Amino acid sequence: MDGRSCCAPSGGRDSDGVEKVGSEITEQSLDAGSKVGMVQLEGGAFRMGAEGPEVWVADGEGPVREVTLDPFWMDATAVTNDAFEKFVEATGYQTEAERFGWSFVFHNQIPKSHRKNVQLVSVEGTSWWARLEKADWRKPGGTGTNIKKLGAHPVVHVSWNDATAFASWMGKRLPTEAEWEYASRGGLEQKIYPWGDDLMPEGKHRCNIWQGDFPKEDSAEDGYAGTAPAKSFRANGYGLYHNVGNVWEWTADWFSPNWQLTGARQNPKGPEAGTGRIIRGGSYLCHESYCNRYRNSARTQNTPDSSTGHTGFRCAMSG
């Protein structure tokens, strides 16, 4: 497969002249370095990438290659609103969406009473996103929304810079792309999903993605028409939840569609520079008719200052 952009719009905020915020955190949590809520992974060699008919060639998913990793730790879930709120309360941190005053929101996440006053924007050939003022992690659907009942859901509207700041405060870091894929595979070799090759084993949903007519109506057959709590579906073989679907997850690496052809095979960290950071796992907006990137090997990118209503992150630690 080739040639179709993903459903992750780019903020393009670097050109606006607003100061970066990712390096502002100089203090750390009293719990910094704690491995509570993390899973220890032994590392070693695994086969990374894919080459099947479902692969997006232009994304650089292939070729399949053997990669070796040192042992590391990974958060069992994406960082939740509750966890991020503690970070903000302790540090006074403002996300980039808050500083810029807007973020990208998918049209069906905006309250119906507000949609008539919102103009959708065309982003990379799509026309279902709103560049919505006052949308941020506290107001994921913009004015009229809040996270009062979403404490256990993944935090969204966080940029790569925001994610890095949180990770630093926790004494952690973002996972490399290779670590992310190793963790997502859950010990299974060359399977499409964290649980195998069948999207719905025994007819049961195993992840939160779009059902219905994309992008018009999400029938929410899996139980969710937006983010789901971070432990809504069964964990993979390593005890990790929602590696695919729910929210895209930031990784540490710069994106390149071809670096993997000649890059390192021992603890790879991607190219030294780039314009976009790699995001992994797909989201609740992914659908087979448009963006089927809810797979172990699927990858795409976004600029480090971008924030959307379907992108979050989880953290890692070495050792």
Protein backbone atom coordinates (compact mmCIF):
# COMPACT_ATOMS: atom_id res chain seq x y z
CA MET A 1 0.00 0.00 0.00
CA ASP A 2 1.21 3.51 -0.70
CA GLY A 3 0.31 7.14 -1.16
CA ARG A 4 -2.34 7.83 1.49
CA SER A 5 -1.58 10.27 4.27
CA CYS A 6 -2.44 9.50 7.85
CA CYS A 7 -5.08 11.07 10.07
CA ALA A 8 -2.56 13.02 12.17
CA PRO A 9 -2.51 16.72 11.23
CA SER A 10 0.64 18.77 11.72
CA GLY A 11 0.50 21.91 13.81
CA GLY A 12 3.18 23.77 11.91
CA ARG A 13 3.70 25.88 14.99
CA ASP A 14 7.48 26.30 14.78
CA SER A 15 7.04 29.09 12.26
CA ASP A 16 4.79 31.08 14.58
CA GLY A 17 7.75 32.31 16.60
CA VAL A 18 6.47 31.04 19.94
CA GLU A 19 9.11 29.89 22.38
CA LYS A 20 9.56 26.14 22.77
CA VAL A 21 8.36 24.73 26.08
CA GLY A 22 9.81 21.24 26.16
CA SER A 23 12.95 22.14 28.10
CA GLU A 24 11.34 24.17 30.88
CA ILE A 25 11.14 21.39 33.47
CA THR A 26 14.25 21.39 35.66
CA GLU A 27 12.77 19.73 38.76
CA GLN A 28 11.66 16.15 39.22
CA SER A 29 8.82 14.38 40.93
CA LEU A 30 9.41 12.91 44.39
CA ASP A 31 8.56 9.62 42.66
CA ALA A 32 11.12 10.14 39.89
CA GLY A 33 12.68 6.85 38.87
CA SER A 34 9.86 4.77 40.33
CA LYS A 35 8.99 1.69 38.28
CA VAL A 36 5.47 1.40 39.66
CA GLY A 37 3.10 0.85 36.75
CA MET A 38 5.92 -0.24 34.46
CA VAL A 39 6.80 -3.60 32.92
CA GLN A 40 10.35 -4.93 32.77
CA LEU A 41 11.34 -6.19 29.32
CA GLU A 42 14.41 -8.34 28.82
CA GLY A 43 15.26 -7.11 25.33
CA GLY A 44 17.35 -9.20 22.99
CA ALA A 45 16.88 -9.83 19.30
CA PHE A 46 13.55 -9.52 17.50
CA ARG A 47 12.33 -9.07 13.94
CA MET A 48 11.26 -5.48 13.41
CA GLY A 49 9.15 -4.11 10.56
CA ALA A 50 6.81 -5.83 8.10
CA GLU A 51 6.41 -6.50 4.41
CA GLY A 52 2.82 -7.78 4.02
CA PRO A 53 0.05 -6.43 1.77
CA GLU A 54 -1.23 -4.21 4.58
CA VAL A 55 2.07 -2.30 4.85
CA TRP A 56 2.40 1.36 3.84
CA VAL A 57 5.57 1.29 1.72
CA ALA A 58 6.08 5.07 1.79
CA ASP A 59 6.13 5.01 5.60
CA GLY A 60 9.24 2.84 5.67
CA GLU A 61 7.69 -0.07 7.57
CA GLY A 62 10.01 -2.51 5.86
CA PRO A 63 12.17 -4.32 5.34
CA VAL A 64 11.90 -6.89 8.10
CA ARG A 65 15.24 -6.81 9.92
CA GLU A 66 16.70 -8.25 13.09
CA VAL A 67 17.19 -5.67 15.82
CA THR A 68 18.75 -6.21 19.25
CA LEU A 69 17.82 -4.22 22.34
CA ASP A 70 19.23 -3.92 25.84
CA PRO A 71 16.80 -4.58 28.72
CA PHE A 72 14.40 -1.72 29.46
CA TRP A 73 11.20 -0.79 31.26
CA MET A 74 7.97 0.43 29.66
CA ASP A 75 4.82 1.97 31.11
CA ALA A 76 2.04 -0.60 31.05
CA THR A 77 -0.38 2.07 29.79
CA ALA A 78 -0.36 5.43 28.09
CA VAL A 79 0.02 8.33 30.50
CA THR A 80 -3.44 9.20 31.82
CA ASN A 81 -5.15 12.50 32.50
CA ASP A 82 -4.84 11.83 36.23
CA ALA A 83 -1.08 11.35 35.97
CA PHE A 84 -0.59 14.37 33.75
CA GLU A 85 -2.68 16.51 36.06
CA LYS A 86 -0.35 15.70 38.96
CA PHE A 87 2.57 16.81 36.83
CA VAL A 88 0.89 20.11 35.95
CA GLU A 89 -0.16 20.78 39.55
CA ALA A 90 3.38 20.15 40.81
CA THR A 91 5.22 22.17 38.19
CA GLY A 92 2.81 24.73 36.78
CA TYR A 93 3.65 23.43 33.32
CA GLN A 94 1.69 24.77 30.35
CA THR A 95 1.34 22.58 27.30
CA GLU A 96 2.02 23.94 23.85
CA ALA A 97 -1.69 23.77 23.02
CA GLU A 98 -2.35 26.05 25.98
CA ARG A 99 0.39 28.48 24.99
CA PHE A 100 -0.62 28.62 21.37
CA GLY A 101 -4.29 28.77 22.29
CA TRP A 102 -5.47 26.03 19.93
CA SER A 103 -5.15 22.39 18.98
CA PHE A 104 -6.53 20.03 16.35
CA VAL A 105 -9.86 18.34 17.14
CA PHE A 106 -11.64 15.77 14.97
CA HIS A 107 -15.07 17.04 13.98
CA ASN A 108 -17.10 14.37 15.83
CA GLN A 109 -15.34 15.17 19.13
CA ILE A 110 -16.68 18.72 19.14
CA PRO A 111 -20.00 19.11 21.05
CA LYS A 112 -22.88 19.28 18.57
CA SER A 113 -23.99 22.62 19.97
CA HIS A 114 -20.61 24.12 19.01
CA ARG A 115 -20.04 22.52 15.62
CA LYS A 116 -22.05 25.04 13.62
CA ASN A 117 -19.64 27.77 14.70
CA VAL A 118 -16.50 25.80 13.82
CA GLN A 119 -14.81 25.81 10.43
CA LEU A 120 -13.06 22.60 9.45
CA VAL A 121 -9.63 22.85 7.87
CA SER A 122 -8.06 20.92 5.04
CA VAL A 123 -4.99 19.11 6.36
CA GLU A 124 -2.96 17.01 3.91
CA GLY A 125 -6.03 16.32 1.80
CA THR A 126 -8.36 15.69 4.74
CA SER A 127 -11.24 17.91 5.74
CA TRP A 128 -12.40 16.56 9.06
CA TRP A 129 -10.18 18.44 11.49
CA ALA A 130 -10.85 21.74 13.25
CA ARG A 131 -8.06 24.07 14.31
CA LEU A 132 -9.99 24.68 17.48
CA GLU A 133 -9.33 27.56 19.83
CA LYS A 134 -9.17 26.74 23.57
CA ALA A 135 -8.81 23.00 22.90
CA ASP A 136 -6.18 21.42 25.13
CA TRP A 137 -5.64 18.46 27.44
CA ARG A 138 -8.20 19.79 29.94
CA LYS A 139 -10.76 20.51 27.21
CA PRO A 140 -10.19 17.74 24.64
CA GLY A 141 -13.20 18.70 22.54
CA GLY A 142 -12.75 22.43 23.05
CA THR A 143 -15.18 24.73 24.87
CA GLY A 144 -17.95 22.80 26.57
CA THR A 145 -15.83 19.69 27.29
CA ASN A 146 -13.72 18.62 30.25
CA ILE A 147 -11.93 15.60 31.73
CA LYS A 148 -13.94 15.22 34.94
CA LYS A 149 -14.89 11.65 34.03
CA LEU A 150 -11.79 10.94 31.93
CA GLY A 151 -9.13 10.60 34.60
CA ALA A 152 -8.27 7.04 33.56
CA HIS A 153 -8.18 7.93 29.84
CA PRO A 154 -4.93 8.75 28.04
CA VAL A 155 -4.02 12.43 28.08
CA VAL A 156 -4.28 13.97 24.60
CA HIS A 157 -3.44 17.33 23.02
CA VAL A 158 0.14 16.86 24.20
CA SER A 159 3.05 17.57 21.85
CA TRP A 160 6.31 15.66 21.70
CA ASN A 161 7.85 18.50 23.68
CA ASP A 162 5.15 18.17 26.34
CA ALA A 163 5.63 14.41 26.52
CA THR A 164 9.38 14.83 26.91
CA ALA A 165 8.87 17.34 29.73
CA PHE A 166 6.59 14.93 31.61
CA ALA A 167 9.00 12.04 31.12
CA SER A 168 11.91 14.11 32.44
CA TRP A 169 9.89 15.08 35.52
CA MET A 170 9.25 11.39 36.18
CA GLY A 171 12.89 10.44 35.73
CA LYS A 172 11.97 8.59 32.56
CA ARG A 173 12.23 9.13 28.81
CA LEU A 174 10.24 8.41 25.68
CA PRO A 175 10.82 4.94 24.20
CA THR A 176 12.80 4.58 21.02
CA GLU A 177 10.80 3.38 18.06
CA ALA A 178 12.47 -0.04 18.26
CA GLU A 179 11.64 -0.35 21.97
CA TRP A 180 8.05 0.63 21.25
CA GLU A 181 7.64 -2.05 18.57
CA TYR A 182 9.37 -4.73 20.64
CA ALA A 183 7.01 -3.96 23.53
CA SER A 184 3.92 -3.84 21.30
CA ARG A 185 4.63 -7.26 19.81
CA GLY A 186 4.32 -8.81 23.27
CA GLY A 187 6.71 -11.65 22.50
CA LEU A 188 4.96 -12.73 19.29
CA GLU A 189 7.08 -12.83 16.13
CA GLN A 190 5.94 -11.01 13.00
CA LYS A 191 2.27 -10.81 13.94
CA ILE A 192 0.13 -7.94 12.66
CA TYR A 193 -1.40 -7.06 16.03
CA PRO A 194 -0.16 -7.39 19.63
CA TRP A 195 -2.36 -10.48 20.03
CA GLY A 196 -1.92 -12.16 16.60
CA ASP A 197 -3.04 -11.79 12.98
CA ASP A 198 -6.82 -11.74 13.48
CA LEU A 199 -8.20 -8.27 14.23
CA MET A 200 -11.16 -9.71 16.15
CA PRO A 201 -10.33 -13.13 17.63
CA GLU A 202 -13.56 -15.10 18.20
CA GLY A 203 -15.47 -12.02 17.07
CA LYS A 204 -14.30 -9.94 20.04
CA HIS A 205 -12.84 -6.45 19.87
CA ARG A 206 -9.28 -6.17 21.14
CA CYS A 207 -8.63 -2.47 20.52
CA ASN A 208 -10.35 0.89 20.23
CA ILE A 209 -10.56 1.92 16.56
CA TRP A 210 -13.23 3.37 14.29
CA GLN A 211 -16.24 1.29 13.27
CA GLY A 212 -18.80 2.51 10.79
CA ASP A 213 -18.61 5.03 7.96
CA PHE A 214 -15.34 6.95 8.22
CA PRO A 215 -15.21 9.93 8.71
CA LYS A 216 -18.94 10.52 9.09
CA GLU A 217 -20.13 8.18 11.81
CA ASP A 218 -18.36 6.03 14.37
CA SER A 219 -20.79 3.33 15.47
CA ALA A 220 -18.59 2.61 18.51
CA GLU A 221 -19.14 -1.14 18.31
CA ASP A 222 -16.03 -1.62 20.44
CA GLY A 223 -17.67 0.49 23.16
CA TYR A 224 -15.96 3.82 22.51
CA ALA A 225 -16.43 6.71 20.08
CA GLY A 226 -13.40 8.54 21.41
CA THR A 227 -10.64 7.64 23.82
CA ALA A 228 -11.11 4.63 26.08
CA PRO A 229 -9.74 4.15 29.60
CA ALA A 230 -6.12 3.08 29.38
CA LYS A 231 -6.88 -0.50 30.50
CA SER A 232 -10.08 -1.16 28.56
CA PHE A 233 -8.92 -4.22 26.63
CA ARG A 234 -6.83 -7.25 27.41
CA ALA A 235 -3.07 -6.69 27.79
CA ASN A 236 -0.59 -8.22 25.37
CA GLY A 237 1.86 -10.98 26.23
CA TYR A 238 4.13 -8.55 28.07
CA GLY A 239 1.34 -7.03 30.15
CA LEU A 240 1.07 -3.82 28.12
CA TYR A 241 -2.29 -2.23 27.30
CA HIS A 242 -3.58 -0.45 24.18
CA ASN A 243 -0.41 -0.60 22.14
CA VAL A 244 -2.58 -0.21 19.06
CA GLY A 245 -5.71 1.90 18.77
CA ASN A 246 -6.95 4.42 21.34
CA VAL A 247 -4.21 7.07 20.93
CA TRP A 248 -1.10 7.51 18.84
CA GLU A 249 2.02 7.44 21.00
CA TRP A 250 5.09 9.64 20.64
CA THR A 251 8.49 7.98 20.45
CA ALA A 252 11.96 9.49 20.83
CA ASP A 253 13.10 9.02 17.22
CA TRP A 254 13.16 11.41 14.30
CA PHE A 255 11.26 10.08 11.31
CA SER A 256 12.86 8.88 8.09
CA PRO A 257 11.32 6.58 5.46
CA ASN A 258 14.66 4.96 4.67
CA TRP A 259 17.06 5.31 7.62
CA GLN A 260 16.29 1.72 8.60
CA LEU A 261 17.85 0.46 5.36
CA THR A 262 21.36 1.25 6.59
CA GLY A 263 20.86 2.30 10.22
CA ALA A 264 22.08 0.59 13.38
CA ARG A 265 20.68 -2.79 14.38
CA GLN A 266 21.89 -2.64 18.00
CA ASN A 267 19.71 -0.30 20.10
CA PRO A 268 18.75 1.84 17.07
CA LYS A 269 17.74 5.42 17.81
CA GLY A 270 16.87 6.68 14.34
CA PRO A 271 18.49 9.52 12.40
CA GLU A 272 20.25 12.36 14.22
CA ALA A 273 17.91 15.02 12.85
CA GLY A 274 14.62 15.45 11.04
CA THR A 275 11.43 17.48 10.88
CA GLY A 276 8.99 15.02 12.46
CA ARG A 277 9.06 12.65 15.42
CA ILE A 278 7.71 9.14 15.00
CA ILE A 279 4.30 8.28 16.40
CA ARG A 280 3.15 4.68 16.75
CA GLY A 281 0.07 2.54 17.28
CA GLY A 282 -2.78 4.30 15.53
CA SER A 283 -5.81 5.68 17.36
CA TYR A 284 -9.57 5.54 17.84
CA LEU A 285 -9.83 7.33 14.48
CA CYS A 286 -8.11 4.60 12.45
CA HIS A 287 -10.33 2.67 10.02
CA GLU A 288 -9.52 0.05 7.41
CA SER A 289 -10.95 2.24 4.65
CA TYR A 290 -8.50 5.06 5.26
CA CYS A 291 -5.80 4.67 7.91
CA ASN A 292 -5.15 1.08 8.91
CA ARG A 293 -2.11 1.96 10.98
CA TYR A 294 -3.36 0.17 14.10
CA ARG A 295 -0.65 -2.47 13.63
CA ASN A 296 2.63 -3.38 15.35
CA SER A 297 4.82 -2.23 12.46
CA ALA A 298 2.83 0.84 11.36
CA ARG A 299 4.48 4.22 11.73
CA THR A 300 4.02 7.84 10.80
CA GLN A 301 5.24 11.22 12.01
CA ASN A 302 4.30 14.63 13.29
CA THR A 303 6.20 17.80 14.13
CA PRO A 304 7.39 17.95 17.76
CA ASP A 305 5.15 20.93 18.51
CA SER A 306 1.96 19.40 17.10
CA SER A 307 -0.94 18.40 19.32
CA THR A 308 -4.17 16.62 18.47
CA GLY A 309 -7.13 14.99 20.18
CA HIS A 310 -5.86 11.50 19.35
CA THR A 311 -2.19 11.61 20.33
CA GLY A 312 -0.67 10.74 23.70
CA PHE A 313 2.39 8.85 24.95
CA ARG A 314 3.88 6.37 27.37
CA CYS A 315 7.32 6.43 28.99
CA ALA A 316 10.30 4.09 29.19
CA MET A 317 13.41 3.65 31.33
CA SER A 318 16.71 1.97 30.60
CA GLY A 319 17.82 -1.12 32.49
